[in-house]
């Protein structure tokens, strides 16, 4: 859950109705704020339809993951370029002002022009024509040019599915295709190319690779059919020997499954539904045996949990288990299958039992013993909740708690998933929390239409702010129109 929305939920929970004495915001205030925010972001921060994660107040320093990026580079991973495009579409939805559809068109064009020959997108995209020539962008592969002609760029044709990267592009492009009534055939062609390429790299068991350039790594290797526990595991990092690895980390299966459910709902191609169902099959196979019926972050070809990076031990994980429960609920709403909700329920039972005394969850739990496992600030495995690694949260909570209520409703046969092409944490705010958040957004916006955090303007704050304001405007606007 984004940092800003999580803080709103915290304030609301600790103070009842947050800002209880403040005047209620009006639709007019919210509409003014959303339009001013959009104008500033588009007119001052956009570069050829691309955006990054954060900006210095003068707009000169542009930052993505890992540090500053050149002026010609856009970032893909949310809250980067497709997330800002989604915000423009949301403004268009609630205002009807076609300038915002045109703003989203600029974003869509930038993404279509930077689709790789492999089918998806890398973390960053290049808008400078000379530098773009060092990438295998499909739009530039003309006149007999191939990726083999490009040297000195090891990532030149690398599609990334990590951290909702390529998935976020396609969800935005599908939304734009709908909102624009299919007015740009290049967008639809780009979507079709990407989805069919992704289906070709889906492993036989339904998992997806995190990165690929051609075939899925290790796709021809025979693998076990069902997850099992190793008898023991090394507390020292062990580099996995060779692919395939089946990754659950950062909710990769959930995001891929949702992408194909969205594609099926949008274009009604049964092949897309089949890909989404195969993700469900993988999650059923990868669920660990009782009594730890959650999921690991990654598996080897024997379908046993393995080390990932040096701060990702083989363990049962809480955050991704919650994400998998959400996907099983959503898939069940599309295809009623008792196995899906049964697996979700048993995983929720494990999550409830694994909850820490402070109400949160450890990120990792030891295989077989269920003890909380941590990585300390020296990068070592520890069972002590002290001096923990800071850049990779060792505890979590806000994004797990709502899962139990959703599962309970799903088991009663109710539809609880968002089933939207773009999901934002503002969707989960209660009416009181939403009103408090909108009051804060209106009051904290500066004269230029920005929400400033320290010395930076944050893309995440812009996107979350737009979605909160839009949700506030939508129901009240429809009521006033009656």
Protein backbone atom coordinates (compact mmCIF):
# COMPACT_ATOMS: atom_id res chain seq x y z
CA UNK A 1 0.00 0.00 0.00
CA UNK A 2 1.42 3.43 -0.91
CA UNK A 3 3.03 5.31 1.93
CA UNK A 4 0.72 8.34 1.75
CA UNK A 5 -2.57 6.42 1.78
CA UNK A 6 -1.28 4.16 4.57
CA UNK A 7 -0.65 7.27 6.69
CA UNK A 8 -4.23 8.41 6.11
CA UNK A 9 -5.53 5.06 7.31
CA UNK A 10 -3.29 5.29 10.39
CA UNK A 11 -4.57 8.78 11.28
CA UNK A 12 -8.17 7.70 10.76
CA UNK A 13 -7.76 4.62 12.94
CA UNK A 14 -6.01 6.50 15.74
CA UNK A 15 -8.20 9.59 15.74
CA UNK A 16 -11.59 8.26 14.71
CA UNK A 17 -12.71 10.53 11.89
CA UNK A 18 -9.51 12.34 11.00
CA UNK A 19 -9.59 16.12 11.13
CA UNK A 20 -12.98 15.85 12.83
CA UNK A 21 -13.29 19.60 13.36
CA UNK A 22 -12.35 20.60 9.81
CA UNK A 23 -15.02 21.73 7.35
CA UNK A 24 -16.07 19.10 4.85
CA UNK A 25 -14.47 19.52 1.41
CA UNK A 26 -16.69 20.37 -1.54
CA UNK A 27 -16.78 18.91 -5.04
CA UNK A 28 -15.77 22.32 -6.38
CA UNK A 29 -12.66 22.36 -4.17
CA UNK A 30 -11.77 18.81 -5.20
CA UNK A 31 -12.25 19.54 -8.89
CA UNK A 32 -10.10 22.66 -8.70
CA UNK A 33 -7.36 20.71 -6.89
CA UNK A 34 -7.37 17.79 -9.33
CA UNK A 35 -7.16 20.04 -12.38
CA UNK A 36 -4.40 22.23 -10.93
CA UNK A 37 -2.40 19.13 -9.98
CA UNK A 38 -2.77 17.69 -13.46
CA UNK A 39 -1.77 20.91 -15.21
CA UNK A 40 1.36 21.27 -13.10
CA UNK A 41 2.49 17.69 -13.56
CA UNK A 42 1.84 17.66 -17.29
CA UNK A 43 3.14 21.11 -18.20
CA UNK A 44 6.18 21.28 -15.89
CA UNK A 45 7.37 17.71 -15.38
CA UNK A 46 6.47 15.71 -18.49
CA UNK A 47 9.19 14.91 -21.03
CA UNK A 48 7.77 13.65 -24.35
CA UNK A 49 4.95 11.95 -22.47
CA UNK A 50 7.21 10.29 -19.87
CA UNK A 51 7.58 10.75 -16.11
CA UNK A 52 9.77 9.55 -13.23
CA UNK A 53 9.30 8.89 -9.52
CA UNK A 54 10.19 12.24 -8.02
CA UNK A 55 11.41 15.73 -8.92
CA UNK A 56 13.30 18.52 -7.23
CA UNK A 57 11.23 21.65 -6.68
CA UNK A 58 12.80 23.35 -9.70
CA UNK A 59 12.13 20.26 -11.83
CA UNK A 60 15.78 19.89 -12.78
CA UNK A 61 16.59 16.76 -10.76
CA UNK A 62 14.58 13.74 -11.87
CA UNK A 63 14.81 10.53 -9.84
CA UNK A 64 13.85 6.92 -10.51
CA UNK A 65 14.76 3.81 -8.57
CA UNK A 66 18.42 3.98 -7.67
CA UNK A 67 18.97 7.71 -8.19
CA UNK A 68 18.90 10.53 -10.71
CA UNK A 69 18.03 9.84 -14.34
CA UNK A 70 18.79 11.95 -17.44
CA UNK A 71 16.23 14.37 -18.81
CA UNK A 72 15.49 12.15 -21.80
CA UNK A 73 14.68 9.07 -19.67
CA UNK A 74 11.25 8.13 -18.36
CA UNK A 75 10.57 5.55 -15.66
CA UNK A 76 8.07 2.72 -16.18
CA UNK A 77 7.68 0.97 -12.83
CA UNK A 78 4.83 2.56 -10.80
CA UNK A 79 4.49 5.35 -9.89
CA UNK A 80 6.25 6.18 -13.18
CA UNK A 81 4.98 6.90 -16.68
CA UNK A 82 1.96 4.56 -16.96
CA UNK A 83 0.77 5.52 -13.46
CA UNK A 84 0.78 9.21 -14.41
CA UNK A 85 -1.05 8.33 -17.64
CA UNK A 86 -3.65 6.50 -15.54
CA UNK A 87 -4.03 9.62 -13.38
CA UNK A 88 -4.73 11.69 -16.52
CA UNK A 89 -7.38 9.17 -17.57
CA UNK A 90 -8.97 9.40 -14.14
CA UNK A 91 -9.14 13.19 -14.40
CA UNK A 92 -10.76 12.78 -17.82
CA UNK A 93 -13.31 10.35 -16.36
CA UNK A 94 -14.54 12.76 -13.69
CA UNK A 95 -14.29 16.04 -15.59
CA UNK A 96 -15.13 15.02 -19.16
CA UNK A 97 -12.47 17.49 -20.32
CA UNK A 98 -10.82 16.02 -23.42
CA UNK A 99 -7.51 17.75 -22.77
CA UNK A 100 -6.84 14.99 -20.21
CA UNK A 101 -7.54 12.28 -22.75
CA UNK A 102 -5.06 14.06 -25.02
CA UNK A 103 -2.55 14.13 -22.16
CA UNK A 104 -3.02 10.38 -21.72
CA UNK A 105 -2.53 9.99 -25.48
CA UNK A 106 0.96 11.51 -25.18
CA UNK A 107 1.80 8.94 -22.51
CA UNK A 108 0.36 6.10 -24.59
CA UNK A 109 2.39 7.16 -27.63
CA UNK A 110 5.61 7.29 -25.58
CA UNK A 111 4.97 3.76 -24.33
CA UNK A 112 4.02 2.36 -27.73
CA UNK A 113 7.21 3.84 -29.18
CA UNK A 114 9.34 2.16 -26.50
CA UNK A 115 7.85 -1.34 -26.59
CA UNK A 116 10.69 -3.83 -26.94
CA UNK A 117 10.90 -6.51 -29.60
CA UNK A 118 10.62 -9.05 -26.75
CA UNK A 119 7.11 -7.70 -26.19
CA UNK A 120 7.25 -5.64 -23.01
CA UNK A 121 9.17 -2.83 -21.36
CA UNK A 122 12.36 -2.38 -19.37
CA UNK A 123 12.38 -0.31 -16.14
CA UNK A 124 13.28 2.85 -18.03
CA UNK A 125 12.51 4.18 -21.50
CA UNK A 126 14.57 6.51 -23.69
CA UNK A 127 13.08 9.44 -25.63
CA UNK A 128 16.25 10.87 -27.18
CA UNK A 129 16.35 9.50 -30.78
CA UNK A 130 20.08 8.88 -30.77
CA UNK A 131 20.05 7.08 -27.43
CA UNK A 132 16.84 5.22 -28.30
CA UNK A 133 18.75 3.59 -31.15
CA UNK A 134 20.66 1.57 -28.53
CA UNK A 135 17.43 -0.21 -27.55
CA UNK A 136 15.43 -2.86 -29.41
CA UNK A 137 12.32 -0.72 -29.63
CA UNK A 138 9.85 -2.35 -31.97
CA UNK A 139 9.06 1.00 -33.61
CA UNK A 140 12.73 1.33 -34.63
CA UNK A 141 13.19 -2.22 -35.95
CA UNK A 142 12.62 -1.23 -39.59
CA UNK A 143 14.58 -1.54 -42.82
CA UNK A 144 16.07 -4.91 -41.85
CA UNK A 145 17.52 -3.70 -38.53
CA UNK A 146 17.58 -6.34 -35.77
CA UNK A 147 18.55 -6.50 -32.11
CA UNK A 148 21.76 -8.23 -33.16
CA UNK A 149 22.86 -4.94 -34.72
CA UNK A 150 22.79 -3.24 -31.31
CA UNK A 151 25.88 -3.61 -29.15
CA UNK A 152 27.03 -2.54 -25.68
CA UNK A 153 23.57 -2.56 -24.05
CA UNK A 154 22.94 -5.84 -22.19
CA UNK A 155 19.36 -4.81 -21.38
CA UNK A 156 18.49 -3.71 -24.92
CA UNK A 157 15.64 -6.24 -25.32
CA UNK A 158 14.87 -7.23 -21.73
CA UNK A 159 11.19 -7.29 -20.78
CA UNK A 160 10.66 -6.80 -17.04
CA UNK A 161 7.71 -8.26 -15.14
CA UNK A 162 9.20 -7.41 -11.75
CA UNK A 163 7.36 -4.83 -9.60
CA UNK A 164 4.32 -4.56 -11.89
CA UNK A 165 6.48 -3.02 -14.63
CA UNK A 166 5.20 -4.28 -17.99
CA UNK A 167 1.85 -5.14 -16.42
CA UNK A 168 1.23 -1.50 -15.44
CA UNK A 169 1.92 -0.36 -19.01
CA UNK A 170 -0.61 -2.78 -20.45
CA UNK A 171 -3.30 -2.01 -17.89
CA UNK A 172 -2.93 1.69 -18.72
CA UNK A 173 -2.91 1.09 -22.48
CA UNK A 174 -6.05 -1.08 -22.27
CA UNK A 175 -7.77 1.63 -20.23
CA UNK A 176 -6.71 4.26 -22.77
CA UNK A 177 -7.92 2.05 -25.64
CA UNK A 178 -11.32 1.86 -23.96
CA UNK A 179 -11.51 5.54 -23.02
CA UNK A 180 -10.56 6.65 -26.54
CA UNK A 181 -12.96 4.17 -28.20
CA UNK A 182 -10.07 2.47 -29.96
CA UNK A 183 -9.09 5.64 -31.79
CA UNK A 184 -5.38 4.72 -32.04
CA UNK A 185 -4.77 1.40 -33.86
CA UNK A 186 -1.08 1.51 -32.85
CA UNK A 187 -2.13 1.18 -29.20
CA UNK A 188 -4.24 -1.91 -29.86
CA UNK A 189 -1.49 -3.49 -31.97
CA UNK A 190 1.00 -2.86 -29.16
CA UNK A 191 -1.34 -4.45 -26.60
CA UNK A 192 -1.94 -7.52 -28.76
CA UNK A 193 1.78 -7.97 -29.44
CA UNK A 194 2.61 -7.79 -25.73
CA UNK A 195 -0.13 -10.09 -24.47
CA UNK A 196 0.59 -12.80 -27.04
CA UNK A 197 4.31 -12.59 -26.30
CA UNK A 198 3.62 -12.94 -22.58
CA UNK A 199 1.46 -16.00 -23.17
CA UNK A 200 4.36 -17.61 -25.04
CA UNK A 201 6.74 -17.19 -22.09
CA UNK A 202 4.32 -18.47 -19.44
CA UNK A 203 5.80 -21.64 -17.94
CA UNK A 204 3.82 -24.87 -18.37
CA UNK A 205 2.91 -24.74 -14.67
CA UNK A 206 1.44 -21.22 -15.01
CA UNK A 207 4.28 -19.17 -13.51
CA UNK A 208 6.04 -16.34 -15.33
CA UNK A 209 9.72 -15.35 -15.53
CA UNK A 210 10.72 -12.08 -13.88
CA UNK A 211 12.83 -11.04 -16.89
CA UNK A 212 13.09 -12.38 -20.40
CA UNK A 213 14.50 -11.56 -23.82
CA UNK A 214 13.49 -14.65 -25.75
CA UNK A 215 12.09 -17.88 -24.32
CA UNK A 216 11.42 -18.16 -20.61
CA UNK A 217 14.66 -19.26 -18.89
CA UNK A 218 14.61 -23.01 -18.22
CA UNK A 219 11.24 -23.53 -19.88
CA UNK A 220 12.34 -26.94 -21.19
CA UNK A 221 13.41 -28.29 -17.78
CA UNK A 222 11.19 -30.86 -16.10
CA UNK A 223 9.82 -29.61 -12.77
CA UNK A 224 7.95 -31.04 -9.80
CA UNK A 225 4.19 -30.79 -9.86
CA UNK A 226 3.59 -29.74 -6.25
CA UNK A 227 5.41 -27.67 -3.64
CA UNK A 228 7.11 -29.38 -0.71
CA UNK A 229 9.29 -28.41 2.22
CA UNK A 230 13.05 -29.04 2.27
CA UNK A 231 14.34 -31.00 5.23
CA UNK A 232 16.64 -28.10 6.11
CA UNK A 233 17.83 -24.76 4.72
CA UNK A 234 21.09 -22.87 4.84
CA UNK A 235 21.16 -19.68 6.90
CA UNK A 236 23.93 -18.44 4.61
CA UNK A 237 23.02 -17.15 1.18
CA UNK A 238 23.26 -19.73 -1.57
CA UNK A 239 23.10 -18.63 -5.17
CA UNK A 240 20.49 -20.71 -7.03
CA UNK A 241 22.26 -22.92 -9.56
CA UNK A 242 20.24 -22.59 -12.77
CA UNK A 243 16.71 -21.81 -14.01
CA UNK A 244 13.86 -22.25 -13.95
CA UNK A 245 12.90 -20.35 -10.81
CA UNK A 246 9.24 -19.79 -10.09
CA UNK A 247 8.82 -16.39 -8.53
CA UNK A 248 6.06 -15.17 -6.23
CA UNK A 249 8.09 -12.23 -4.90
CA UNK A 250 6.51 -8.76 -5.14
CA UNK A 251 3.19 -10.35 -6.09
CA UNK A 252 4.28 -11.27 -9.61
CA UNK A 253 1.60 -14.01 -10.05
CA UNK A 254 -1.15 -11.72 -8.75
CA UNK A 255 -0.20 -8.89 -11.08
CA UNK A 256 0.13 -11.20 -14.10
CA UNK A 257 -3.14 -12.94 -13.34
CA UNK A 258 -4.96 -9.64 -12.96
CA UNK A 259 -3.47 -8.41 -16.22
CA UNK A 260 -4.91 -11.35 -18.13
CA UNK A 261 -8.26 -11.12 -16.34
CA UNK A 262 -8.37 -7.46 -17.35
CA UNK A 263 -7.46 -8.38 -20.92
CA UNK A 264 -10.21 -11.02 -21.03
CA UNK A 265 -12.83 -8.63 -19.64
CA UNK A 266 -11.77 -5.96 -22.11
CA UNK A 267 -11.33 -7.98 -25.32
CA UNK A 268 -13.16 -11.28 -24.57
CA UNK A 269 -10.41 -13.49 -25.99
CA UNK A 270 -10.65 -16.89 -24.22
CA UNK A 271 -6.87 -17.31 -24.54
CA UNK A 272 -6.45 -14.48 -22.03
CA UNK A 273 -8.75 -16.19 -19.55
CA UNK A 274 -6.81 -19.43 -19.99
CA UNK A 275 -3.56 -17.61 -19.10
CA UNK A 276 -5.22 -16.19 -15.97
CA UNK A 277 -6.49 -19.65 -15.01
CA UNK A 278 -2.99 -21.10 -15.41
CA UNK A 279 -1.75 -18.53 -12.87
CA UNK A 280 -4.35 -19.90 -10.47
CA UNK A 281 -3.16 -23.44 -11.18
CA UNK A 282 0.39 -22.40 -10.33
CA UNK A 283 -0.68 -20.85 -7.03
CA UNK A 284 -2.58 -24.01 -6.07
CA UNK A 285 0.49 -26.11 -6.86
CA UNK A 286 2.93 -23.73 -5.13
CA UNK A 287 0.97 -23.43 -1.87
CA UNK A 288 3.07 -24.98 0.87
CA UNK A 289 1.79 -27.96 2.88
CA UNK A 290 0.00 -27.69 6.22
CA UNK A 291 0.43 -26.23 8.71
CA UNK A 292 2.26 -23.42 6.84
CA UNK A 293 -0.14 -23.05 3.95
CA UNK A 294 1.23 -19.81 2.63
CA UNK A 295 3.69 -19.29 -0.21
CA UNK A 296 7.43 -18.78 -0.52
CA UNK A 297 8.97 -15.91 -2.49
CA UNK A 298 10.60 -18.28 -4.95
CA UNK A 299 10.89 -21.96 -5.84
CA UNK A 300 13.37 -24.07 -7.75
CA UNK A 301 12.52 -26.82 -10.25
CA UNK A 302 11.81 -29.21 -7.35
CA UNK A 303 9.13 -26.72 -6.23
CA UNK A 304 10.85 -26.15 -2.91
CA UNK A 305 11.56 -22.69 -1.44
CA UNK A 306 15.01 -21.33 -2.28
CA UNK A 307 17.14 -18.27 -1.61
CA UNK A 308 16.54 -15.26 -3.80
CA UNK A 309 18.67 -12.19 -3.23
CA UNK A 310 20.91 -12.07 -0.15
CA UNK A 311 18.10 -10.56 1.94
CA UNK A 312 15.46 -13.05 0.72
CA UNK A 313 15.83 -16.38 2.56
CA UNK A 314 13.78 -19.48 1.75
CA UNK A 315 10.77 -18.92 3.98
CA UNK A 316 7.00 -18.59 4.10
CA UNK A 317 6.12 -14.99 3.30
CA UNK A 318 3.23 -12.94 4.65
CA UNK A 319 2.92 -10.10 2.13
CA UNK A 320 2.82 -12.24 -0.99
CA UNK A 321 0.53 -14.76 0.72
CA UNK A 322 -1.99 -11.95 1.19
CA UNK A 323 -1.56 -10.94 -2.45
CA UNK A 324 -2.15 -14.50 -3.60
CA UNK A 325 -5.33 -14.72 -1.51
CA UNK A 326 -6.60 -11.60 -3.26
CA UNK A 327 -5.90 -13.09 -6.68
CA UNK A 328 -7.58 -16.39 -5.84
CA UNK A 329 -10.66 -14.42 -4.74
CA UNK A 330 -10.68 -12.43 -7.98
CA UNK A 331 -10.19 -15.50 -10.17
CA UNK A 332 -13.00 -17.29 -8.33
CA UNK A 333 -15.32 -14.39 -9.13
CA UNK A 334 -14.61 -15.01 -12.81
CA UNK A 335 -14.58 -18.82 -12.67
CA UNK A 336 -16.36 -20.36 -9.70
CA UNK A 337 -13.96 -23.00 -8.38
CA UNK A 338 -14.14 -24.22 -4.79
CA UNK A 339 -10.44 -25.09 -4.85
CA UNK A 340 -9.53 -21.41 -5.16
CA UNK A 341 -11.42 -20.25 -2.08
CA UNK A 342 -10.37 -23.34 -0.12
CA UNK A 343 -6.71 -22.49 -0.80
CA UNK A 344 -7.33 -18.85 0.09
CA UNK A 345 -9.02 -19.84 3.35
CA UNK A 346 -6.23 -22.18 4.45
CA UNK A 347 -3.65 -19.49 3.64
CA UNK A 348 -5.63 -16.95 5.67
CA UNK A 349 -5.71 -19.39 8.59
CA UNK A 350 -1.91 -19.56 8.49
CA UNK A 351 -1.64 -15.76 8.27
CA UNK A 352 -3.89 -15.26 11.29
CA UNK A 353 -1.85 -17.76 13.32
CA UNK A 354 1.43 -16.10 12.28
CA UNK A 355 0.45 -12.61 13.42
CA UNK A 356 2.94 -10.98 15.78
CA UNK A 357 1.97 -9.68 19.24
CA UNK A 358 2.11 -6.09 17.96
CA UNK A 359 -0.56 -6.88 15.35
CA UNK A 360 1.79 -6.87 12.36
CA UNK A 361 3.47 -9.69 10.47
CA UNK A 362 7.09 -10.57 9.92
CA UNK A 363 7.95 -10.61 6.25
CA UNK A 364 9.48 -14.08 6.58
CA UNK A 365 8.64 -17.16 8.68
CA UNK A 366 10.99 -20.09 9.08
CA UNK A 367 10.15 -23.23 7.17
CA UNK A 368 8.74 -25.98 9.42
CA UNK A 369 9.04 -24.04 12.73
CA UNK A 370 7.06 -20.89 11.78
CA UNK A 371 9.43 -18.68 13.78
CA UNK A 372 9.70 -15.10 12.46
CA UNK A 373 12.90 -14.74 10.44
CA UNK A 374 14.62 -11.41 9.83
CA UNK A 375 17.65 -10.04 8.01
CA UNK A 376 19.74 -7.70 10.13
CA UNK A 377 21.60 -4.57 9.04
CA UNK A 378 24.69 -6.70 8.33
CA UNK A 379 22.73 -8.85 5.89
CA UNK A 380 22.63 -11.89 8.19
CA UNK A 381 19.72 -14.16 9.09
CA UNK A 382 18.50 -13.56 12.62
CA UNK A 383 15.55 -14.51 14.79
CA UNK A 384 15.95 -11.35 16.88
CA UNK A 385 13.81 -8.30 16.15
CA UNK A 386 16.77 -5.94 16.45
CA UNK A 387 18.98 -3.85 14.14
CA UNK A 388 17.02 -4.95 11.10
CA UNK A 389 17.68 -4.22 7.45
CA UNK A 390 16.02 -0.91 6.62
CA UNK A 391 15.67 -0.86 2.84
CA UNK A 392 13.58 -4.04 2.67
CA UNK A 393 10.77 -3.95 5.21
CA UNK A 394 11.07 -6.80 7.66
CA UNK A 395 7.56 -6.24 9.01
CA UNK A 396 4.27 -5.46 7.32
CA UNK A 397 0.61 -5.06 8.18
CA UNK A 398 -1.51 -2.44 6.43
CA UNK A 399 -1.84 -4.34 3.16
CA UNK A 400 -2.57 -7.67 4.87
CA UNK A 401 -5.33 -6.71 7.29
CA UNK A 402 -8.08 -6.00 4.69
CA UNK A 403 -7.62 -9.41 3.06
CA UNK A 404 -9.51 -11.26 5.78
CA UNK A 405 -12.67 -9.19 5.38
CA UNK A 406 -12.55 -9.59 1.59
CA UNK A 407 -12.18 -13.36 1.93
CA UNK A 408 -15.13 -13.56 4.32
CA UNK A 409 -17.34 -11.67 1.85
CA UNK A 410 -16.12 -13.84 -1.02
CA UNK A 411 -17.01 -17.00 0.88
CA UNK A 412 -20.52 -15.60 1.20
CA UNK A 413 -20.70 -15.38 -2.59
CA UNK A 414 -20.28 -11.60 -2.85
CA UNK A 415 -18.16 -9.79 -5.44
CA UNK A 416 -15.41 -7.96 -3.58
CA UNK A 417 -12.56 -7.39 -6.04
CA UNK A 418 -12.19 -4.04 -7.81
CA UNK A 419 -12.25 -5.55 -11.31
CA UNK A 420 -10.80 -2.30 -12.64
CA UNK A 421 -8.05 -1.76 -15.16
CA UNK A 422 -6.16 0.40 -12.66
CA UNK A 423 -6.29 -0.24 -8.91
CA UNK A 424 -5.30 2.45 -6.42
CA UNK A 425 -5.21 2.33 -2.63
CA UNK A 426 -7.69 5.23 -2.49
CA UNK A 427 -10.33 2.68 -3.53
CA UNK A 428 -10.14 1.17 -0.04
CA UNK A 429 -10.71 4.35 1.97
CA UNK A 430 -13.97 4.57 3.89
CA UNK A 431 -16.21 7.60 3.30
CA UNK A 432 -14.85 9.35 6.40
CA UNK A 433 -11.25 8.53 5.52
CA UNK A 434 -11.79 9.76 1.97
CA UNK A 435 -13.30 13.03 3.16
CA UNK A 436 -10.37 13.59 5.52
CA UNK A 437 -7.85 12.79 2.80
CA UNK A 438 -9.50 15.18 0.35
CA UNK A 439 -9.55 17.91 3.00
CA UNK A 440 -5.83 17.37 3.49
CA UNK A 441 -5.13 17.36 -0.24
CA UNK A 442 -7.00 20.59 -0.82
CA UNK A 443 -5.38 22.35 2.15
CA UNK A 444 -1.82 21.14 1.48
CA UNK A 445 -1.68 21.85 -2.26
CA UNK A 446 0.58 24.81 -2.99
CA UNK A 447 -0.08 27.71 -5.35
CA UNK A 448 1.44 25.80 -8.29
CA UNK A 449 -0.79 22.77 -7.80
CA UNK A 450 1.89 20.62 -6.16
CA UNK A 451 2.03 18.47 -3.05
CA UNK A 452 5.54 18.99 -1.78
CA UNK A 453 7.38 16.53 0.44
CA UNK A 454 10.58 18.02 1.79
CA UNK A 455 12.52 19.19 -1.25
CA UNK A 456 10.71 16.98 -3.75
CA UNK A 457 7.49 16.58 -5.67
CA UNK A 458 6.61 12.89 -5.53
CA UNK A 459 4.92 11.05 -8.38
CA UNK A 460 3.27 8.71 -5.89
CA UNK A 461 1.64 11.63 -4.08
CA UNK A 462 0.34 13.03 -7.37
CA UNK A 463 -1.15 9.72 -8.54
CA UNK A 464 -2.68 8.85 -5.15
CA UNK A 465 -3.97 12.42 -4.77
CA UNK A 466 -5.66 12.33 -8.17
CA UNK A 467 -7.36 9.00 -7.47
CA UNK A 468 -8.59 10.14 -4.05
CA UNK A 469 -9.92 13.44 -5.40
CA UNK A 470 -11.53 11.69 -8.37
CA UNK A 471 -13.28 9.17 -6.15
CA UNK A 472 -14.59 12.01 -4.00
CA UNK A 473 -15.85 13.89 -7.06
CA UNK A 474 -17.47 10.91 -8.80
CA UNK A 475 -20.36 9.94 -6.52
CA UNK A 476 -21.21 13.50 -5.53
CA UNK A 477 -21.03 14.67 -9.14
CA UNK A 478 -23.41 11.91 -10.17
CA UNK A 479 -25.80 12.78 -7.34
CA UNK A 480 -25.86 16.47 -8.31
CA UNK A 481 -26.54 15.49 -11.93
CA UNK A 482 -29.75 13.64 -11.04
